[in-house]
Amino acid sequence: MEELEQLFACRQCGFCCHGETTVSLDAADQQRMIDYLQLSRDEVARRYWRISGSVVQMRIVDHHCVFYNNGCSIYHGRPWRCAQWPLVPALLLDEANYQAISESCPGITRELSYRHFCTILRRVLARKPSREEHR
């Protein structure tokens, strides 16, 4: 079993897709989304993005990400921040962070001790591709 799979298997439950906050999109995220959707930049921006000055974010609709529909409808074209979640460096800082995130995310493996989880996560994060290399 790959180390990442020891820590997490996305169930596309959508918990992380719900709420009033949204995800900011860097240039690589925007292009990945355009390529995945096979739409023009203007069409993707009009339908799916909230743009404020130079900040581009995904829209929120009915208290969830615009792409959430019983799972992520652009899973293979999603932003790098979505792909990173929930295996974020904050899990390594404090066991309370791990507890809070693992309680809200059914994809996190709970069978490992926190210490063992962190040992594997450090290795996974050390070799994870940068956001420019995401997919």
N, C-alpha and C. Protein backbone atom coordinates (compact mmCIF):
# COMPACT_ATOMS: atom_id res chain seq x y z
N MET A 1 0.85 -1.19 0.00
CA MET A 1 0.00 0.00 0.00
C MET A 1 0.89 1.24 0.00
N GLU A 2 0.59 2.18 -0.88
CA GLU A 2 1.33 3.43 -0.94
C GLU A 2 1.12 4.22 0.35
N GLU A 3 2.14 4.97 0.75
CA GLU A 3 2.05 5.70 2.02
C GLU A 3 0.86 6.65 2.06
N LEU A 4 0.59 7.34 0.98
CA LEU A 4 -0.55 8.25 0.95
C LEU A 4 -1.84 7.50 1.26
N GLU A 5 -2.00 6.32 0.70
CA GLU A 5 -3.20 5.52 0.93
C GLU A 5 -3.30 5.04 2.38
N GLN A 6 -2.17 4.97 3.07
CA GLN A 6 -2.21 4.61 4.49
C GLN A 6 -2.83 5.73 5.31
N LEU A 7 -2.75 6.96 4.80
CA LEU A 7 -3.22 8.13 5.54
C LEU A 7 -4.62 8.58 5.14
N PHE A 8 -4.94 8.44 3.86
CA PHE A 8 -6.14 9.11 3.37
C PHE A 8 -6.65 8.47 2.08
N ALA A 9 -7.96 8.34 1.99
CA ALA A 9 -8.63 7.92 0.75
C ALA A 9 -9.89 8.78 0.62
N CYS A 10 -9.87 9.69 -0.34
CA CYS A 10 -11.00 10.61 -0.52
C CYS A 10 -12.28 9.82 -0.79
N ARG A 11 -13.32 10.16 -0.05
CA ARG A 11 -14.62 9.53 -0.23
C ARG A 11 -15.59 10.45 -0.97
N GLN A 12 -15.06 11.59 -1.38
CA GLN A 12 -15.86 12.61 -2.05
C GLN A 12 -17.17 12.88 -1.31
N CYS A 13 -17.07 12.94 0.01
CA CYS A 13 -18.24 13.20 0.84
C CYS A 13 -18.72 14.64 0.72
N GLY A 14 -17.80 15.53 0.35
CA GLY A 14 -18.16 16.92 0.16
C GLY A 14 -18.10 17.79 1.39
N PHE A 15 -17.74 17.23 2.54
CA PHE A 15 -17.68 18.04 3.75
C PHE A 15 -16.77 19.24 3.55
N CYS A 16 -15.61 19.00 2.93
CA CYS A 16 -14.66 20.10 2.73
C CYS A 16 -15.13 21.08 1.66
N CYS A 17 -16.15 20.72 0.91
CA CYS A 17 -16.67 21.57 -0.16
C CYS A 17 -17.78 22.50 0.33
N HIS A 18 -18.23 22.30 1.56
CA HIS A 18 -19.34 23.08 2.10
C HIS A 18 -18.84 24.20 3.00
N GLY A 19 -19.59 25.27 3.04
CA GLY A 19 -19.26 26.40 3.88
C GLY A 19 -19.33 27.69 3.09
N GLU A 20 -19.01 28.76 3.74
CA GLU A 20 -19.08 30.08 3.12
C GLU A 20 -17.74 30.56 2.59
N THR A 21 -16.69 29.81 2.87
CA THR A 21 -15.37 30.19 2.35
C THR A 21 -15.16 29.53 1.00
N THR A 22 -14.19 30.04 0.30
CA THR A 22 -13.92 29.52 -1.03
C THR A 22 -12.43 29.35 -1.24
N VAL A 23 -12.06 28.82 -2.37
CA VAL A 23 -10.67 28.53 -2.69
C VAL A 23 -10.15 29.55 -3.69
N SER A 24 -9.01 30.15 -3.37
CA SER A 24 -8.35 31.04 -4.32
C SER A 24 -7.64 30.21 -5.37
N LEU A 25 -7.63 30.71 -6.60
CA LEU A 25 -7.05 29.97 -7.72
C LEU A 25 -5.83 30.70 -8.26
N ASP A 26 -4.70 30.00 -8.30
CA ASP A 26 -3.53 30.58 -8.94
C ASP A 26 -3.63 30.35 -10.45
N ALA A 27 -2.67 30.84 -11.19
CA ALA A 27 -2.71 30.74 -12.65
C ALA A 27 -2.76 29.29 -13.13
N ALA A 28 -2.01 28.41 -12.46
CA ALA A 28 -2.01 26.99 -12.84
C ALA A 28 -3.37 26.35 -12.58
N ASP A 29 -4.01 26.71 -11.46
CA ASP A 29 -5.35 26.20 -11.16
C ASP A 29 -6.33 26.65 -12.23
N GLN A 30 -6.25 27.91 -12.60
CA GLN A 30 -7.16 28.45 -13.60
C GLN A 30 -7.01 27.72 -14.93
N GLN A 31 -5.77 27.53 -15.35
CA GLN A 31 -5.53 26.85 -16.63
C GLN A 31 -5.96 25.39 -16.58
N ARG A 32 -5.68 24.72 -15.47
CA ARG A 32 -6.09 23.32 -15.31
C ARG A 32 -7.60 23.19 -15.43
N MET A 33 -8.31 24.12 -14.80
CA MET A 33 -9.77 24.11 -14.84
C MET A 33 -10.28 24.38 -16.26
N ILE A 34 -9.70 25.34 -16.93
CA ILE A 34 -10.07 25.66 -18.32
C ILE A 34 -9.85 24.43 -19.20
N ASP A 35 -8.70 23.81 -19.06
CA ASP A 35 -8.38 22.62 -19.86
C ASP A 35 -9.35 21.47 -19.55
N TYR A 36 -9.62 21.26 -18.28
CA TYR A 36 -10.50 20.16 -17.88
C TYR A 36 -11.92 20.37 -18.39
N LEU A 37 -12.41 21.59 -18.24
CA LEU A 37 -13.79 21.89 -18.65
C LEU A 37 -13.93 22.07 -20.17
N GLN A 38 -12.81 22.31 -20.83
CA GLN A 38 -12.79 22.54 -22.27
C GLN A 38 -13.73 23.67 -22.68
N LEU A 39 -13.59 24.74 -21.91
CA LEU A 39 -14.34 25.96 -22.17
C LEU A 39 -13.34 27.11 -22.28
N SER A 40 -13.79 28.21 -22.84
CA SER A 40 -12.92 29.39 -22.92
C SER A 40 -12.71 29.96 -21.53
N ARG A 41 -11.64 30.69 -21.38
CA ARG A 41 -11.35 31.35 -20.10
C ARG A 41 -12.51 32.25 -19.70
N ASP A 42 -13.04 33.02 -20.64
CA ASP A 42 -14.15 33.92 -20.33
C ASP A 42 -15.38 33.16 -19.85
N GLU A 43 -15.65 32.01 -20.46
CA GLU A 43 -16.82 31.22 -20.07
C GLU A 43 -16.63 30.61 -18.68
N VAL A 44 -15.45 30.08 -18.40
CA VAL A 44 -15.17 29.52 -17.07
C VAL A 44 -15.27 30.63 -16.02
N ALA A 45 -14.69 31.77 -16.32
CA ALA A 45 -14.73 32.90 -15.38
C ALA A 45 -16.17 33.32 -15.11
N ARG A 46 -16.94 33.43 -16.15
CA ARG A 46 -18.34 33.87 -16.02
C ARG A 46 -19.17 32.89 -15.19
N ARG A 47 -18.98 31.60 -15.43
CA ARG A 47 -19.83 30.59 -14.81
C ARG A 47 -19.36 30.12 -13.43
N TYR A 48 -18.03 30.12 -13.20
CA TYR A 48 -17.52 29.41 -12.03
C TYR A 48 -16.64 30.21 -11.08
N TRP A 49 -16.17 31.38 -11.49
CA TRP A 49 -15.23 32.12 -10.67
C TRP A 49 -15.84 33.39 -10.10
N ARG A 50 -15.32 33.78 -8.97
CA ARG A 50 -15.61 35.08 -8.36
C ARG A 50 -14.30 35.86 -8.46
N ILE A 51 -14.32 36.97 -9.19
CA ILE A 51 -13.10 37.74 -9.43
C ILE A 51 -13.23 39.10 -8.76
N SER A 52 -12.23 39.42 -7.95
CA SER A 52 -12.20 40.69 -7.26
C SER A 52 -10.79 41.26 -7.44
N GLY A 53 -10.65 42.23 -8.34
CA GLY A 53 -9.33 42.75 -8.65
C GLY A 53 -8.50 41.67 -9.30
N SER A 54 -7.36 41.35 -8.69
CA SER A 54 -6.50 40.30 -9.24
C SER A 54 -6.73 38.94 -8.57
N VAL A 55 -7.67 38.89 -7.64
CA VAL A 55 -7.96 37.65 -6.91
C VAL A 55 -9.05 36.87 -7.62
N VAL A 56 -8.76 35.61 -7.94
CA VAL A 56 -9.73 34.72 -8.58
C VAL A 56 -10.04 33.59 -7.61
N GLN A 57 -11.32 33.41 -7.34
CA GLN A 57 -11.76 32.36 -6.42
C GLN A 57 -12.90 31.57 -7.05
N MET A 58 -13.12 30.37 -6.56
CA MET A 58 -14.27 29.60 -7.03
C MET A 58 -15.53 30.18 -6.38
N ARG A 59 -16.60 30.12 -7.10
CA ARG A 59 -17.89 30.59 -6.58
C ARG A 59 -18.44 29.62 -5.53
N ILE A 60 -19.24 30.17 -4.64
CA ILE A 60 -20.00 29.40 -3.67
C ILE A 60 -21.47 29.52 -4.07
N VAL A 61 -22.16 28.39 -4.12
CA VAL A 61 -23.58 28.36 -4.49
C VAL A 61 -24.30 27.52 -3.43
N ASP A 62 -25.34 28.07 -2.84
CA ASP A 62 -26.11 27.35 -1.82
C ASP A 62 -25.22 26.76 -0.74
N HIS A 63 -24.26 27.54 -0.28
CA HIS A 63 -23.38 27.18 0.84
C HIS A 63 -22.39 26.06 0.51
N HIS A 64 -22.05 25.89 -0.75
CA HIS A 64 -21.02 24.91 -1.12
C HIS A 64 -20.34 25.34 -2.41
N CYS A 65 -19.22 24.72 -2.70
CA CYS A 65 -18.46 25.01 -3.91
C CYS A 65 -19.35 24.81 -5.14
N VAL A 66 -19.18 25.65 -6.10
CA VAL A 66 -19.97 25.58 -7.33
C VAL A 66 -19.81 24.23 -8.04
N PHE A 67 -18.70 23.55 -7.80
CA PHE A 67 -18.45 22.26 -8.47
C PHE A 67 -18.90 21.05 -7.66
N TYR A 68 -19.48 21.28 -6.48
CA TYR A 68 -19.94 20.15 -5.68
C TYR A 68 -21.32 19.72 -6.13
N ASN A 69 -21.44 18.45 -6.49
CA ASN A 69 -22.73 17.86 -6.87
C ASN A 69 -22.68 16.38 -6.48
N ASN A 70 -22.93 16.11 -5.20
CA ASN A 70 -22.78 14.75 -4.66
C ASN A 70 -21.38 14.22 -4.95
N GLY A 71 -20.40 15.06 -4.82
CA GLY A 71 -19.01 14.78 -5.12
C GLY A 71 -18.47 15.90 -5.98
N CYS A 72 -17.19 15.91 -6.17
CA CYS A 72 -16.56 16.97 -6.96
C CYS A 72 -16.74 16.68 -8.44
N SER A 73 -17.38 17.59 -9.14
CA SER A 73 -17.64 17.38 -10.57
C SER A 73 -16.42 17.69 -11.44
N ILE A 74 -15.37 18.25 -10.83
CA ILE A 74 -14.12 18.48 -11.58
C ILE A 74 -12.94 17.87 -10.84
N TYR A 75 -13.15 16.74 -10.22
CA TYR A 75 -12.14 16.13 -9.36
C TYR A 75 -10.75 16.10 -9.99
N HIS A 76 -10.64 15.73 -11.25
CA HIS A 76 -9.33 15.64 -11.90
C HIS A 76 -8.85 16.98 -12.45
N GLY A 77 -9.65 18.01 -12.32
CA GLY A 77 -9.26 19.35 -12.73
C GLY A 77 -9.33 20.33 -11.58
N ARG A 78 -9.40 19.81 -10.37
CA ARG A 78 -9.60 20.67 -9.19
C ARG A 78 -8.34 21.45 -8.83
N PRO A 79 -8.49 22.52 -8.06
CA PRO A 79 -7.34 23.34 -7.62
C PRO A 79 -6.39 22.54 -6.74
N TRP A 80 -5.14 22.98 -6.72
CA TRP A 80 -4.14 22.26 -5.93
C TRP A 80 -4.48 22.28 -4.44
N ARG A 81 -5.11 23.34 -3.96
CA ARG A 81 -5.47 23.39 -2.54
C ARG A 81 -6.51 22.32 -2.20
N CYS A 82 -7.41 22.07 -3.12
CA CYS A 82 -8.40 21.01 -2.91
C CYS A 82 -7.72 19.64 -2.94
N ALA A 83 -6.78 19.47 -3.84
CA ALA A 83 -6.06 18.20 -3.94
C ALA A 83 -5.21 17.95 -2.70
N GLN A 84 -4.70 19.01 -2.10
CA GLN A 84 -3.85 18.89 -0.91
C GLN A 84 -4.68 18.49 0.32
N TRP A 85 -5.89 18.99 0.41
CA TRP A 85 -6.72 18.78 1.60
C TRP A 85 -7.06 17.32 1.75
N PRO A 86 -7.06 16.75 2.93
CA PRO A 86 -6.82 17.33 4.24
C PRO A 86 -5.39 17.13 4.74
N LEU A 87 -4.50 16.65 3.87
CA LEU A 87 -3.13 16.36 4.30
C LEU A 87 -2.27 17.61 4.24
N VAL A 88 -2.56 18.52 5.13
CA VAL A 88 -1.91 19.82 5.19
C VAL A 88 -0.87 19.85 6.31
N PRO A 89 0.16 20.68 6.17
CA PRO A 89 1.20 20.76 7.21
C PRO A 89 0.67 21.07 8.61
N ALA A 90 -0.47 21.72 8.72
CA ALA A 90 -1.02 22.05 10.04
C ALA A 90 -1.28 20.80 10.88
N LEU A 91 -1.48 19.67 10.24
CA LEU A 91 -1.69 18.42 10.98
C LEU A 91 -0.46 18.06 11.80
N LEU A 92 0.70 18.47 11.33
CA LEU A 92 1.96 18.13 12.01
C LEU A 92 2.25 19.04 13.20
N LEU A 93 1.58 20.17 13.25
CA LEU A 93 1.90 21.17 14.27
C LEU A 93 1.30 20.87 15.64
N ASP A 94 0.14 20.24 15.62
CA ASP A 94 -0.58 20.07 16.87
C ASP A 94 -1.57 18.91 16.72
N GLU A 95 -1.60 18.04 17.69
CA GLU A 95 -2.53 16.91 17.63
C GLU A 95 -3.98 17.39 17.61
N ALA A 96 -4.24 18.56 18.19
CA ALA A 96 -5.61 19.10 18.16
C ALA A 96 -6.04 19.40 16.72
N ASN A 97 -5.12 19.87 15.88
CA ASN A 97 -5.44 20.09 14.46
C ASN A 97 -5.82 18.77 13.81
N TYR A 98 -5.03 17.74 14.09
CA TYR A 98 -5.31 16.41 13.54
C TYR A 98 -6.69 15.92 14.00
N GLN A 99 -6.97 16.08 15.28
CA GLN A 99 -8.26 15.62 15.81
C GLN A 99 -9.42 16.34 15.14
N ALA A 100 -9.31 17.66 15.02
CA ALA A 100 -10.40 18.44 14.41
C ALA A 100 -10.62 18.04 12.96
N ILE A 101 -9.55 17.93 12.20
CA ILE A 101 -9.69 17.61 10.78
C ILE A 101 -10.13 16.16 10.60
N SER A 102 -9.58 15.25 11.37
CA SER A 102 -9.95 13.84 11.20
C SER A 102 -11.40 13.58 11.61
N GLU A 103 -11.92 14.36 12.54
CA GLU A 103 -13.33 14.21 12.93
C GLU A 103 -14.28 14.69 11.84
N SER A 104 -13.82 15.62 11.01
CA SER A 104 -14.69 16.15 9.96
C SER A 104 -14.46 15.48 8.61
N CYS A 105 -13.40 14.69 8.49
CA CYS A 105 -13.07 14.08 7.20
C CYS A 105 -13.05 12.55 7.32
N PRO A 106 -14.05 11.88 6.75
CA PRO A 106 -14.10 10.42 6.87
C PRO A 106 -13.02 9.70 6.07
N GLY A 107 -12.29 10.42 5.23
CA GLY A 107 -11.24 9.79 4.43
C GLY A 107 -9.93 9.60 5.17
N ILE A 108 -9.76 10.29 6.30
CA ILE A 108 -8.52 10.15 7.07
C ILE A 108 -8.53 8.84 7.83
N THR A 109 -7.43 8.11 7.74
CA THR A 109 -7.27 6.86 8.47
C THR A 109 -7.09 7.16 9.94
N ARG A 110 -7.90 6.56 10.75
CA ARG A 110 -7.83 6.79 12.19
C ARG A 110 -7.17 5.63 12.94
N GLU A 111 -6.79 4.58 12.22
CA GLU A 111 -6.21 3.41 12.87
C GLU A 111 -4.76 3.64 13.31
N LEU A 112 -4.10 4.64 12.76
CA LEU A 112 -2.71 4.93 13.11
C LEU A 112 -2.65 5.84 14.33
N SER A 113 -1.60 5.69 15.10
CA SER A 113 -1.39 6.64 16.18
C SER A 113 -1.05 7.99 15.55
N TYR A 114 -1.25 9.06 16.30
CA TYR A 114 -0.93 10.38 15.78
C TYR A 114 0.54 10.46 15.40
N ARG A 115 1.40 9.90 16.21
CA ARG A 115 2.84 9.93 15.94
C ARG A 115 3.17 9.20 14.63
N HIS A 116 2.61 8.02 14.45
CA HIS A 116 2.86 7.25 13.22
C HIS A 116 2.27 7.97 12.00
N PHE A 117 1.08 8.54 12.16
CA PHE A 117 0.45 9.32 11.10
C PHE A 117 1.38 10.45 10.66
N CYS A 118 1.94 11.17 11.63
CA CYS A 118 2.83 12.30 11.32
C CYS A 118 4.12 11.85 10.65
N THR A 119 4.66 10.73 11.05
CA THR A 119 5.87 10.20 10.43
C THR A 119 5.64 9.96 8.94
N ILE A 120 4.52 9.33 8.62
CA ILE A 120 4.20 9.05 7.22
C ILE A 120 3.88 10.36 6.48
N LEU A 121 3.11 11.24 7.12
CA LEU A 121 2.73 12.50 6.47
C LEU A 121 3.96 13.34 6.13
N ARG A 122 4.94 13.37 7.00
CA ARG A 122 6.18 14.13 6.71
C ARG A 122 6.83 13.61 5.43
N ARG A 123 6.88 12.29 5.27
CA ARG A 123 7.46 11.73 4.06
C ARG A 123 6.62 12.06 2.83
N VAL A 124 5.31 11.98 2.96
CA VAL A 124 4.41 12.28 1.84
C VAL A 124 4.55 13.74 1.43
N LEU A 125 4.55 14.65 2.39
CA LEU A 125 4.65 16.08 2.08
C LEU A 125 6.01 16.43 1.48
N ALA A 126 7.04 15.72 1.90
CA ALA A 126 8.39 16.00 1.38
C ALA A 126 8.50 15.66 -0.09
N ARG A 127 7.72 14.73 -0.57
CA ARG A 127 7.83 14.34 -1.98
C ARG A 127 6.63 14.74 -2.83
N LYS A 128 5.64 15.41 -2.23
CA LYS A 128 4.48 15.87 -2.99
C LYS A 128 4.91 16.88 -4.03
N PRO A 129 4.30 16.83 -5.22
CA PRO A 129 4.64 17.80 -6.25
C PRO A 129 4.22 19.21 -5.84
N SER A 130 4.92 20.17 -6.36
CA SER A 130 4.54 21.56 -6.11
C SER A 130 3.21 21.84 -6.79
N ARG A 131 2.62 22.95 -6.48
CA ARG A 131 1.32 23.24 -7.08
C ARG A 131 1.42 23.41 -8.59
N GLU A 132 2.57 23.80 -9.10
CA GLU A 132 2.73 23.92 -10.55
C GLU A 132 2.73 22.56 -11.22
N GLU A 133 3.15 21.52 -10.48
CA GLU A 133 3.22 20.18 -11.03
C GLU A 133 1.96 19.38 -10.79
N HIS A 134 0.99 19.94 -10.06
CA HIS A 134 -0.23 19.23 -9.71
C HIS A 134 -0.91 18.70 -10.96
N ARG A 135 -1.03 17.42 -11.03
CA ARG A 135 -1.67 16.69 -12.13
C ARG A 135 -1.14 17.15 -13.45
